[in-house]
Amino acid sequence: PVGNRPARGVSSAAASIGAGDGAFLRRQLPPRPAGAMGQVGAACCCNSEELVDSMPESTTAIAEVALPFDSKSGGTDSVWSRACTNCAGGQQTCGTLFQQTPAELDALGVPGLGPPKLDLAAYSLAPLSLETSHPVVDINLFDGSRSNGNVSHYYNLCKDYSGLHVTTSCFTVWRKHKKTNGHAKVIPAVPVSDREEVCVFFFDDNLEWDGKEDSSGICSLRHAKTGEFIDFTEGKNGFRRDTAARHTVVFHSTHYRNVLVKANILDAMEDPAYFTKIIERFAWPSDKLIIFMDVNSTIVCNDTVQNKDLSNTLLSTMFEFVELKPSAAFDLSFEGHPQTRIDKPKTFKQLVKDITKDNREAYGSFWTADRCERFFVEVASKGEVRWAGDDRPFPLEAFQRLFQEYIVSLSNVINPDGIAHSWFQVFERVAAKGCHTVVLNSFGVDTRKVVVATIPDEQHIIHVTVNYHMWDDRDQQKFAGQFKQ
């Protein structure tokens, strides 16, 4: 429990994050300029509190109730008003009002008035000189003594600026440190003791639950103020395990305002409300949401990092749920790949990773139906094969039948770019409300097609790279090249 709240995820009465929740649409704004015209109201009409009595007729009202903003021409001054979702019809001007001049609004990056204007020094950001329609900035989260302190700046950036962000993490650092949690995607951890009404989600299909800093994994969970690594192993720092949908695992904490979700593309494809349901279950209506979202095999079927299409992604995803319990230790050899000793239960996907270790091309080209079936037969001869969570034997015929069922159903619930409808629903219901932040966080260049498919003008996003100067030349060239297409 947190204060007088029950623990996250146990209440079935949580209000919807969609329209009608009566929550304020808030963004961190600078103080109202001294001497500005107009009055300031601090509440919304839905809460039956005092509203602004009057505003000068010369003002320009910009009501942030949905994207894009609705603006009406007026005088030389402007008012930025916030209305709750109950008032989104525009019948009333309510919410918290800030009197701003057009120049000040432009500096805040109001959609329609240009890209976000960031105080680079305040957030420890460095501009990158790239040919893009929107600014791209870099932050140091891994190099030297200042990197830990920069975690707080990164967290504040995500908290202060709502809407869609992109973070391109540093694959070079992660690979150099043997793909361990401590050098993976940085996710700020917010202590419950700070009493901030914030909930930080991280959706990624590659999360692993041995949550130590030196454990294999993709989550660098770091204290939002100190940058210290936070162990998220079950039982540590208040973290406990839960499940969602058919194949999704959720870790949430009583000590930190964080929810870590091992997302599953099959679940995301089957249910358009997949992400929304998880967020509603574990967040409170009053929370400011910061949602970090992986792309490949989390919201997109086409795994562009590994050059996988829908069929390939489905095969690799299903292999993650097929487990081998070997009858005895054995040396696995398949199609000329390096021999690997197998002496404990593993998923088929982990076995594939073992035999293609350090060979990115071999791993990416592995996922064909014919090769996967031959691998299944070879491995099944070495022990017991089961679907995760099911004690019954799982033969090749069952795998083939399930594959055919999924390939038909999944092809009907994605857009031409392979993006799940559940992504568009959660973005529409969360980010487009104006007070929350969604961060596409990836090691690859797959984020841009999601951005282009999601919002009408990509110049309004905030794009952060992590330790760009440490990337290898190939990654830098691919990153710059995506904006020339």
Protein backbone atom coordinates (compact mmCIF):
# COMPACT_ATOMS: atom_id res chain seq x y z
CA PRO A 1 0.00 0.00 0.00
CA VAL A 2 1.02 3.58 -0.71
CA GLY A 3 -0.47 5.97 1.85
CA ASN A 4 -4.17 5.20 1.87
CA ARG A 5 -4.03 3.59 -1.57
CA PRO A 6 -4.13 -0.17 -2.06
CA ALA A 7 -1.15 -1.71 -3.85
CA ARG A 8 -0.98 -1.27 -7.61
CA GLY A 9 -2.67 -3.88 -9.73
CA VAL A 10 -5.09 -5.18 -7.09
CA SER A 11 -7.97 -2.76 -7.49
CA SER A 12 -10.62 -3.53 -10.06
CA ALA A 13 -12.21 -0.10 -9.58
CA ALA A 14 -9.48 1.97 -11.22
CA ALA A 15 -10.98 4.65 -13.44
CA SER A 16 -10.42 4.59 -17.17
CA ILE A 17 -7.54 6.56 -18.61
CA GLY A 18 -9.79 7.56 -21.48
CA ALA A 19 -12.45 10.23 -21.75
CA GLY A 20 -14.49 10.93 -18.64
CA ASP A 21 -11.87 10.47 -15.97
CA GLY A 22 -12.02 14.12 -14.90
CA ALA A 23 -8.24 14.27 -14.69
CA PHE A 24 -6.35 17.45 -15.50
CA LEU A 25 -4.39 17.67 -18.71
CA ARG A 26 -1.21 19.13 -17.30
CA ARG A 27 2.21 20.05 -18.58
CA GLN A 28 5.06 21.67 -16.72
CA LEU A 29 4.97 25.34 -17.74
CA PRO A 30 6.99 28.35 -16.63
CA PRO A 31 5.37 30.77 -14.17
CA ARG A 32 2.85 33.25 -15.51
CA PRO A 33 4.71 36.41 -16.54
CA ALA A 34 4.45 39.31 -14.12
CA GLY A 35 1.86 41.84 -15.19
CA ALA A 36 0.24 39.60 -17.77
CA MET A 37 -3.40 40.21 -18.49
CA GLY A 38 -6.19 37.87 -17.46
CA GLN A 39 -6.89 35.79 -14.39
CA VAL A 40 -5.61 32.35 -13.52
CA GLY A 41 -7.94 29.50 -12.62
CA ALA A 42 -6.51 26.37 -11.03
CA ALA A 43 -9.34 23.92 -11.44
CA CYS A 44 -11.65 22.35 -13.98
CA CYS A 45 -15.40 22.77 -14.12
CA CYS A 46 -15.89 19.03 -13.73
CA ASN A 47 -14.61 19.31 -10.19
CA SER A 48 -17.11 22.10 -9.44
CA GLU A 49 -14.35 24.44 -8.38
CA GLU A 50 -13.85 28.13 -9.13
CA LEU A 51 -13.19 28.95 -12.77
CA VAL A 52 -11.75 31.98 -14.46
CA ASP A 53 -14.37 34.74 -14.31
CA SER A 54 -13.22 36.67 -17.31
CA MET A 55 -10.50 37.05 -19.88
CA PRO A 56 -9.61 40.07 -22.02
CA GLU A 57 -11.30 39.97 -25.40
CA SER A 58 -7.91 40.45 -27.04
CA THR A 59 -6.66 37.04 -25.97
CA THR A 60 -6.14 34.00 -28.17
CA ALA A 61 -7.52 30.82 -26.60
CA ILE A 62 -5.62 27.62 -27.27
CA ALA A 63 -7.47 24.72 -25.66
CA GLU A 64 -5.33 21.61 -25.18
CA VAL A 65 -8.00 18.95 -25.21
CA ALA A 66 -6.70 16.83 -28.06
CA LEU A 67 -4.13 16.91 -30.83
CA PRO A 68 -3.97 19.02 -32.91
CA PHE A 69 -4.53 22.13 -30.85
CA ASP A 70 -7.47 24.38 -31.75
CA SER A 71 -6.46 28.04 -32.03
CA LYS A 72 -8.50 31.10 -32.85
CA SER A 73 -7.04 34.37 -34.09
CA GLY A 74 -6.96 37.23 -31.63
CA GLY A 75 -4.85 40.06 -30.32
CA THR A 76 -1.23 40.24 -29.32
CA ASP A 77 -1.59 38.17 -26.16
CA SER A 78 -2.41 34.48 -25.89
CA VAL A 79 -3.92 32.25 -23.24
CA TRP A 80 -3.00 28.57 -22.99
CA SER A 81 -5.89 26.78 -21.33
CA ARG A 82 -6.25 23.22 -20.09
CA ALA A 83 -9.56 21.40 -20.04
CA CYS A 84 -10.30 18.00 -18.57
CA THR A 85 -11.51 15.25 -20.88
CA ASN A 86 -15.12 15.82 -19.78
CA CYS A 87 -14.89 19.28 -21.33
CA ALA A 88 -13.16 18.23 -24.52
CA GLY A 89 -16.14 19.22 -26.60
CA GLY A 90 -15.03 22.82 -26.37
CA GLN A 91 -18.23 24.07 -24.79
CA GLN A 92 -16.33 25.72 -21.96
CA THR A 93 -12.90 27.19 -21.42
CA CYS A 94 -11.75 25.69 -18.18
CA GLY A 95 -8.70 24.14 -16.61
CA THR A 96 -5.52 25.86 -15.56
CA LEU A 97 -4.96 29.04 -17.58
CA PHE A 98 -1.60 30.56 -18.30
CA GLN A 99 -1.34 34.00 -19.92
CA GLN A 100 1.45 33.85 -22.51
CA THR A 101 2.52 35.91 -25.47
CA PRO A 102 2.81 34.20 -28.88
CA ALA A 103 6.60 34.26 -28.56
CA GLU A 104 6.41 32.53 -25.20
CA LEU A 105 4.05 29.93 -26.59
CA ASP A 106 6.44 29.32 -29.47
CA ALA A 107 9.27 28.84 -26.97
CA LEU A 108 7.16 26.19 -25.25
CA GLY A 109 6.78 24.28 -28.51
CA VAL A 110 2.99 24.36 -28.73
CA PRO A 111 1.98 22.07 -31.64
CA GLY A 112 1.32 24.18 -34.68
CA LEU A 113 3.90 26.78 -33.62
CA GLY A 114 7.06 24.81 -34.32
CA PRO A 115 9.18 22.07 -32.72
CA PRO A 116 9.85 21.94 -28.97
CA LYS A 117 12.36 24.50 -27.73
CA LEU A 118 14.48 22.80 -25.09
CA ASP A 119 16.74 24.35 -22.49
CA LEU A 120 19.70 22.12 -23.38
CA ALA A 121 21.76 23.05 -20.33
CA ALA A 122 18.89 22.39 -17.91
CA TYR A 123 18.56 18.81 -19.14
CA SER A 124 22.28 18.18 -19.89
CA LEU A 125 21.59 17.76 -23.59
CA ALA A 126 23.95 18.28 -26.52
CA PRO A 127 22.61 19.04 -30.03
CA LEU A 128 23.49 16.74 -32.92
CA SER A 129 24.13 18.21 -36.36
CA LEU A 130 21.89 16.02 -38.50
CA GLU A 131 19.60 16.77 -41.43
CA THR A 132 16.26 16.21 -39.71
CA SER A 133 12.89 17.94 -39.59
CA HIS A 134 13.08 17.97 -35.80
CA PRO A 135 15.92 18.57 -33.34
CA VAL A 136 17.90 15.53 -32.21
CA VAL A 137 19.81 15.85 -28.95
CA ASP A 138 22.24 13.58 -27.13
CA ILE A 139 22.56 12.74 -23.45
CA ASN A 140 25.39 10.99 -21.61
CA LEU A 141 24.04 8.16 -19.47
CA PHE A 142 27.09 5.86 -19.46
CA ASP A 143 30.38 7.72 -19.80
CA GLY A 144 32.15 9.09 -16.73
CA SER A 145 31.10 10.33 -13.31
CA ARG A 146 28.45 12.75 -14.59
CA SER A 147 26.40 10.04 -16.28
CA ASN A 148 24.59 8.95 -13.12
CA GLY A 149 23.51 12.52 -12.41
CA ASN A 150 22.18 12.84 -15.94
CA VAL A 151 19.56 10.16 -15.24
CA SER A 152 17.64 12.76 -13.24
CA HIS A 153 17.83 15.20 -16.17
CA TYR A 154 16.55 12.51 -18.53
CA TYR A 155 13.69 11.71 -16.16
CA ASN A 156 12.78 15.38 -15.81
CA LEU A 157 12.76 15.78 -19.59
CA CYS A 158 10.30 12.89 -19.93
CA LYS A 159 8.20 14.25 -17.10
CA ASP A 160 8.19 17.91 -18.18
CA TYR A 161 7.37 17.43 -21.85
CA SER A 162 4.27 15.39 -22.63
CA GLY A 163 3.44 13.72 -25.93
CA LEU A 164 5.60 11.47 -28.10
CA HIS A 165 9.34 11.11 -27.52
CA VAL A 166 11.93 8.89 -29.16
CA THR A 167 15.03 7.59 -27.38
CA THR A 168 17.63 5.72 -29.44
CA SER A 169 19.68 3.79 -26.91
CA CYS A 170 23.34 2.88 -27.23
CA PHE A 171 23.69 -0.63 -28.65
CA THR A 172 27.50 -0.39 -28.67
CA VAL A 173 27.75 0.05 -24.89
CA TRP A 174 25.24 -2.74 -24.27
CA ARG A 175 27.06 -5.16 -26.57
CA LYS A 176 30.48 -4.25 -25.12
CA HIS A 177 29.22 -5.16 -21.65
CA LYS A 178 27.84 -8.53 -22.82
CA LYS A 179 24.23 -7.28 -23.04
CA THR A 180 23.75 -6.92 -19.30
CA ASN A 181 21.07 -4.87 -17.55
CA GLY A 182 23.48 -2.27 -16.21
CA HIS A 183 24.32 -0.98 -19.70
CA ALA A 184 20.97 -1.48 -21.43
CA LYS A 185 17.99 0.85 -21.94
CA VAL A 186 17.85 3.38 -19.10
CA ILE A 187 14.51 3.47 -17.27
CA PRO A 188 14.18 5.98 -14.39
CA ALA A 189 13.00 4.43 -11.11
CA VAL A 190 10.83 6.75 -9.00
CA PRO A 191 10.73 5.94 -5.26
CA VAL A 192 7.31 5.80 -3.64
CA SER A 193 8.78 7.85 -0.81
CA ASP A 194 9.10 10.85 -3.16
CA ARG A 195 5.28 11.05 -3.21
CA GLU A 196 5.20 12.06 -6.86
CA GLU A 197 2.00 11.11 -8.65
CA VAL A 198 3.93 9.40 -11.42
CA CYS A 199 3.85 5.88 -12.81
CA VAL A 200 6.65 4.71 -15.12
CA PHE A 201 5.95 1.76 -17.44
CA PHE A 202 8.47 -0.16 -19.54
CA PHE A 203 7.14 -2.52 -22.22
CA ASP A 204 9.77 -4.73 -23.88
CA ASP A 205 9.65 -8.28 -25.20
CA ASN A 206 13.26 -8.97 -24.15
CA LEU A 207 12.95 -8.27 -20.42
CA GLU A 208 14.60 -10.92 -18.26
CA TRP A 209 13.74 -11.37 -14.60
CA ASP A 210 17.16 -11.93 -13.08
CA GLY A 211 17.16 -8.21 -12.43
CA LYS A 212 20.70 -7.66 -11.19
CA GLU A 213 23.02 -5.08 -12.75
CA ASP A 214 25.40 -7.71 -14.14
CA SER A 215 22.63 -10.09 -15.26
CA SER A 216 21.75 -10.61 -18.89
CA GLY A 217 18.93 -8.26 -19.79
CA ILE A 218 17.70 -5.11 -21.47
CA CYS A 219 16.54 -2.95 -18.53
CA SER A 220 18.89 -0.53 -16.80
CA LEU A 221 16.53 0.51 -14.01
CA ARG A 222 18.17 3.56 -12.45
CA HIS A 223 17.15 5.72 -9.48
CA ALA A 224 15.57 8.89 -10.88
CA LYS A 225 17.67 11.14 -8.61
CA THR A 226 20.96 9.34 -7.97
CA GLY A 227 21.31 7.20 -11.11
CA GLU A 228 22.02 4.17 -8.91
CA PHE A 229 21.01 0.80 -10.40
CA ILE A 230 17.88 -0.70 -8.83
CA ASP A 231 17.72 -4.50 -8.57
CA PHE A 232 14.30 -5.64 -9.85
CA THR A 233 14.67 -9.36 -9.12
CA GLU A 234 11.45 -10.76 -7.66
CA GLY A 235 11.45 -10.06 -3.92
CA LYS A 236 14.00 -7.23 -4.19
CA ASN A 237 13.01 -3.58 -3.74
CA GLY A 238 9.35 -4.53 -3.43
CA PHE A 239 9.11 -6.15 -6.88
CA ARG A 240 6.66 -8.97 -7.37
CA ARG A 241 5.48 -10.97 -10.34
CA ASP A 242 2.08 -10.90 -12.02
CA THR A 243 0.65 -11.90 -15.37
CA ALA A 244 -1.56 -10.33 -18.03
CA ALA A 245 -3.25 -11.54 -21.21
CA ARG A 246 -2.08 -15.01 -22.36
CA HIS A 247 1.71 -14.73 -22.37
CA THR A 248 2.62 -11.43 -20.67
CA VAL A 249 4.57 -11.16 -17.41
CA VAL A 250 4.45 -8.02 -15.25
CA PHE A 251 6.78 -6.97 -12.43
CA HIS A 252 5.55 -4.13 -10.20
CA SER A 253 6.89 -2.73 -6.95
CA THR A 254 5.61 -1.42 -3.63
CA HIS A 255 8.81 0.64 -3.25
CA TYR A 256 9.04 2.19 -6.71
CA ARG A 257 6.48 3.71 -9.03
CA ASN A 258 7.57 1.42 -11.85
CA VAL A 259 5.84 -1.34 -13.80
CA LEU A 260 8.05 -3.57 -15.96
CA VAL A 261 6.17 -5.53 -18.62
CA LYS A 262 7.65 -8.38 -20.61
CA ALA A 263 5.42 -7.65 -23.57
CA ASN A 264 4.33 -10.25 -26.07
CA ILE A 265 3.57 -9.40 -29.68
CA LEU A 266 1.01 -12.21 -29.88
CA ASP A 267 -0.95 -10.67 -27.02
CA ALA A 268 -0.53 -7.19 -28.50
CA MET A 269 -1.94 -8.40 -31.81
CA GLU A 270 -4.84 -10.36 -30.36
CA ASP A 271 -6.29 -7.58 -28.21
CA PRO A 272 -6.47 -3.95 -29.43
CA ALA A 273 -6.81 -2.87 -25.78
CA TYR A 274 -3.78 -4.89 -24.65
CA PHE A 275 -1.55 -1.99 -23.55
CA THR A 276 -4.45 0.12 -22.33
CA LYS A 277 -5.73 -2.64 -20.03
CA ILE A 278 -2.32 -3.13 -18.42
CA ILE A 279 -1.89 0.59 -17.84
CA GLU A 280 -5.36 0.96 -16.35
CA ARG A 281 -4.72 -1.99 -14.07
CA PHE A 282 -1.46 -0.76 -12.59
CA ALA A 283 -1.72 3.06 -12.73
CA TRP A 284 -3.95 5.44 -10.82
CA PRO A 285 -6.18 7.99 -12.58
CA SER A 286 -4.25 10.86 -10.99
CA ASP A 287 -0.83 9.54 -12.10
CA LYS A 288 1.33 11.29 -14.64
CA LEU A 289 2.19 8.42 -16.99
CA ILE A 290 5.63 7.97 -18.53
CA ILE A 291 5.47 4.96 -20.83
CA PHE A 292 8.67 3.56 -22.33
CA MET A 293 7.83 1.34 -25.28
CA ASP A 294 10.09 -0.96 -27.26
CA VAL A 295 9.27 -1.34 -30.95
CA ASN A 296 10.42 -4.67 -32.42
CA SER A 297 8.22 -7.60 -31.38
CA THR A 298 6.48 -5.36 -28.86
CA ILE A 299 4.31 -3.13 -31.04
CA VAL A 300 5.68 -4.04 -34.49
CA CYS A 301 5.65 -7.47 -36.10
CA ASN A 302 8.33 -6.74 -38.66
CA ASP A 303 11.56 -6.97 -36.68
CA THR A 304 13.69 -4.63 -38.79
CA VAL A 305 16.68 -4.96 -36.47
CA GLN A 306 16.93 -8.64 -37.45
CA ASN A 307 15.28 -8.24 -40.90
CA LYS A 308 12.31 -10.38 -39.88
CA ASP A 309 8.86 -10.22 -41.48
CA LEU A 310 5.56 -11.30 -39.90
CA SER A 311 6.18 -15.02 -40.37
CA ASN A 312 9.74 -14.75 -39.05
CA THR A 313 8.71 -12.69 -36.04
CA LEU A 314 5.91 -15.14 -35.23
CA LEU A 315 8.32 -18.08 -35.37
CA SER A 316 10.87 -16.41 -33.09
CA THR A 317 8.12 -15.33 -30.68
CA MET A 318 6.63 -18.82 -30.50
CA PHE A 319 10.10 -20.31 -29.92
CA GLU A 320 10.30 -18.15 -26.80
CA PHE A 321 7.42 -20.18 -25.32
CA VAL A 322 8.59 -23.65 -26.34
CA GLU A 323 10.80 -25.19 -23.64
CA LEU A 324 13.19 -28.14 -23.68
CA LYS A 325 13.90 -30.14 -20.53
CA PRO A 326 16.87 -32.29 -21.58
CA SER A 327 16.92 -35.94 -20.54
CA ALA A 328 20.69 -35.60 -20.05
CA ALA A 329 23.40 -33.09 -20.88
CA PHE A 330 24.26 -33.05 -24.59
CA ASP A 331 26.16 -31.08 -27.22
CA LEU A 332 23.80 -29.28 -29.59
CA SER A 333 25.07 -29.03 -33.16
CA PHE A 334 22.86 -27.73 -35.97
CA GLU A 335 23.64 -26.78 -39.57
CA GLY A 336 27.30 -26.07 -38.96
CA HIS A 337 26.78 -23.61 -36.11
CA PRO A 338 29.27 -23.82 -33.21
CA GLN A 339 28.56 -26.73 -30.89
CA THR A 340 26.91 -25.74 -27.61
CA ARG A 341 26.66 -27.70 -24.36
CA ILE A 342 23.06 -27.98 -23.09
CA ASP A 343 22.73 -29.17 -19.50
CA LYS A 344 19.62 -27.41 -18.18
CA PRO A 345 16.09 -26.48 -19.34
CA LYS A 346 15.97 -23.69 -21.90
CA THR A 347 13.52 -22.18 -24.34
CA PHE A 348 13.99 -22.92 -28.01
CA LYS A 349 14.69 -19.24 -28.61
CA GLN A 350 17.52 -19.28 -26.08
CA LEU A 351 18.95 -22.38 -27.76
CA VAL A 352 18.93 -20.52 -31.09
CA LYS A 353 20.68 -17.58 -29.46
CA ASP A 354 23.27 -19.94 -27.99
CA ILE A 355 24.21 -21.53 -31.32
CA THR A 356 24.25 -18.18 -33.17
CA LYS A 357 26.02 -16.31 -30.39
CA ASP A 358 27.87 -13.18 -31.60
CA ASN A 359 26.63 -13.77 -35.15
CA ARG A 360 23.86 -11.25 -35.76
CA GLU A 361 23.40 -12.24 -39.40
CA ALA A 362 23.04 -15.94 -38.61
CA TYR A 363 20.44 -15.21 -35.94
CA GLY A 364 18.45 -12.94 -38.26
CA SER A 365 18.41 -15.47 -41.11
CA PHE A 366 17.49 -18.43 -38.88
CA TRP A 367 13.74 -17.74 -38.79
CA THR A 368 12.21 -19.70 -41.65
CA ALA A 369 9.45 -22.28 -41.21
CA ASP A 370 11.48 -25.11 -42.73
CA ARG A 371 14.56 -24.45 -40.59
CA CYS A 372 12.55 -24.01 -37.40
CA GLU A 373 10.71 -27.31 -37.96
CA ARG A 374 13.97 -29.19 -38.53
CA PHE A 375 15.43 -27.57 -35.41
CA PHE A 376 12.30 -28.58 -33.46
CA VAL A 377 12.70 -32.23 -34.51
CA GLU A 378 16.41 -32.25 -33.65
CA VAL A 379 15.94 -30.71 -30.20
CA ALA A 380 12.81 -32.70 -29.33
CA SER A 381 14.83 -35.92 -29.61
CA LYS A 382 16.95 -34.78 -26.64
CA GLY A 383 14.26 -34.48 -23.99
CA GLU A 384 10.76 -33.29 -23.10
CA VAL A 385 9.24 -30.37 -25.03
CA ARG A 386 6.41 -28.29 -23.55
CA TRP A 387 4.67 -24.97 -24.12
CA ALA A 388 5.51 -22.54 -21.30
CA GLY A 389 3.11 -22.88 -18.38
CA ASP A 390 1.62 -26.13 -19.69
CA ASP A 391 2.74 -29.52 -18.37
CA ARG A 392 1.43 -31.43 -21.38
CA PRO A 393 3.82 -32.56 -24.15
CA PHE A 394 4.00 -30.13 -27.07
CA PRO A 395 4.75 -31.99 -30.30
CA LEU A 396 5.71 -30.53 -33.67
CA GLU A 397 2.16 -31.01 -34.97
CA ALA A 398 0.78 -28.77 -32.19
CA PHE A 399 3.41 -26.15 -32.99
CA GLN A 400 2.50 -26.21 -36.70
CA ARG A 401 -1.22 -25.96 -35.96
CA LEU A 402 -0.76 -23.02 -33.56
CA PHE A 403 1.50 -21.26 -36.05
CA GLN A 404 -1.15 -21.48 -38.78
CA GLU A 405 -3.83 -20.14 -36.42
CA TYR A 406 -1.71 -17.16 -35.43
CA ILE A 407 -0.48 -16.31 -38.93
CA VAL A 408 -4.10 -15.95 -40.08
CA SER A 409 -5.36 -13.96 -37.09
CA LEU A 410 -2.34 -11.67 -36.81
CA SER A 411 -2.36 -10.71 -40.48
CA ASN A 412 -5.77 -9.10 -39.93
CA VAL A 413 -4.82 -6.91 -36.97
CA ILE A 414 -1.78 -4.97 -38.12
CA ASN A 415 -1.33 -2.00 -40.41
CA PRO A 416 0.79 -2.26 -43.61
CA ASP A 417 3.92 -1.40 -41.60
CA GLY A 418 3.32 -4.31 -39.22
CA ILE A 419 2.23 -2.04 -36.36
CA ALA A 420 -0.31 -3.48 -33.92
CA HIS A 421 -3.65 -1.69 -33.54
CA SER A 422 -3.12 -1.85 -29.78
CA TRP A 423 -0.30 0.68 -30.17
CA PHE A 424 -2.53 3.22 -31.89
CA GLN A 425 -5.24 2.76 -29.29
CA VAL A 426 -2.94 3.31 -26.33
CA PHE A 427 -1.33 6.34 -27.97
CA GLU A 428 -4.69 7.89 -28.77
CA ARG A 429 -6.03 7.32 -25.27
CA VAL A 430 -2.91 8.25 -23.35
CA ALA A 431 -0.46 10.50 -25.19
CA ALA A 432 -2.98 12.49 -27.20
CA LYS A 433 -4.72 13.60 -24.01
CA GLY A 434 -1.90 16.06 -23.45
CA CYS A 435 -0.63 15.26 -19.97
CA HIS A 436 1.25 11.97 -20.39
CA THR A 437 4.47 10.96 -22.13
CA VAL A 438 5.15 8.00 -24.40
CA VAL A 439 8.78 7.22 -25.24
CA LEU A 440 9.63 4.88 -28.11
CA ASN A 441 12.89 3.36 -26.87
CA SER A 442 14.90 1.23 -29.28
CA PHE A 443 18.45 0.30 -30.26
CA GLY A 444 17.53 0.48 -33.95
CA VAL A 445 16.12 2.89 -36.53
CA ASP A 446 12.70 1.25 -36.46
CA THR A 447 11.13 4.06 -34.45
CA ARG A 448 10.70 6.48 -37.34
CA LYS A 449 8.13 4.42 -39.24
CA VAL A 450 6.06 4.24 -36.03
CA VAL A 451 6.32 8.01 -35.54
CA VAL A 452 5.30 8.74 -39.14
CA ALA A 453 2.35 6.34 -38.89
CA THR A 454 1.23 7.79 -35.55
CA ILE A 455 1.37 11.58 -35.73
CA PRO A 456 0.83 13.99 -38.66
CA ASP A 457 3.99 16.04 -38.11
CA GLU A 458 7.15 14.47 -36.70
CA GLN A 459 8.77 17.86 -36.02
CA HIS A 460 6.89 17.96 -32.71
CA ILE A 461 8.60 14.93 -31.18
CA ILE A 462 11.56 15.08 -28.82
CA HIS A 463 14.30 12.76 -30.08
CA VAL A 464 17.14 11.81 -27.73
CA THR A 465 20.15 9.66 -28.51
CA VAL A 466 22.15 8.03 -25.73
CA ASN A 467 25.94 8.47 -25.89
CA TYR A 468 25.95 8.98 -29.66
CA HIS A 469 29.73 9.55 -29.70
CA MET A 470 30.21 5.96 -28.47
CA TRP A 471 28.20 4.40 -31.32
CA ASP A 472 30.11 2.54 -34.02
CA ASP A 473 30.26 4.07 -37.52
CA ARG A 474 27.72 1.64 -38.96
CA ASP A 475 25.05 2.59 -36.40
CA GLN A 476 25.72 6.31 -36.82
CA GLN A 477 25.38 6.04 -40.60
CA LYS A 478 22.13 4.06 -40.38
CA PHE A 479 20.74 6.53 -37.88
CA ALA A 480 21.51 9.55 -40.05
CA GLY A 481 20.35 7.76 -43.19
CA GLN A 482 16.82 7.14 -41.93
CA PHE A 483 16.04 10.87 -42.12
CA LYS A 484 17.07 11.08 -45.79
CA GLN A 485 14.47 8.52 -46.90
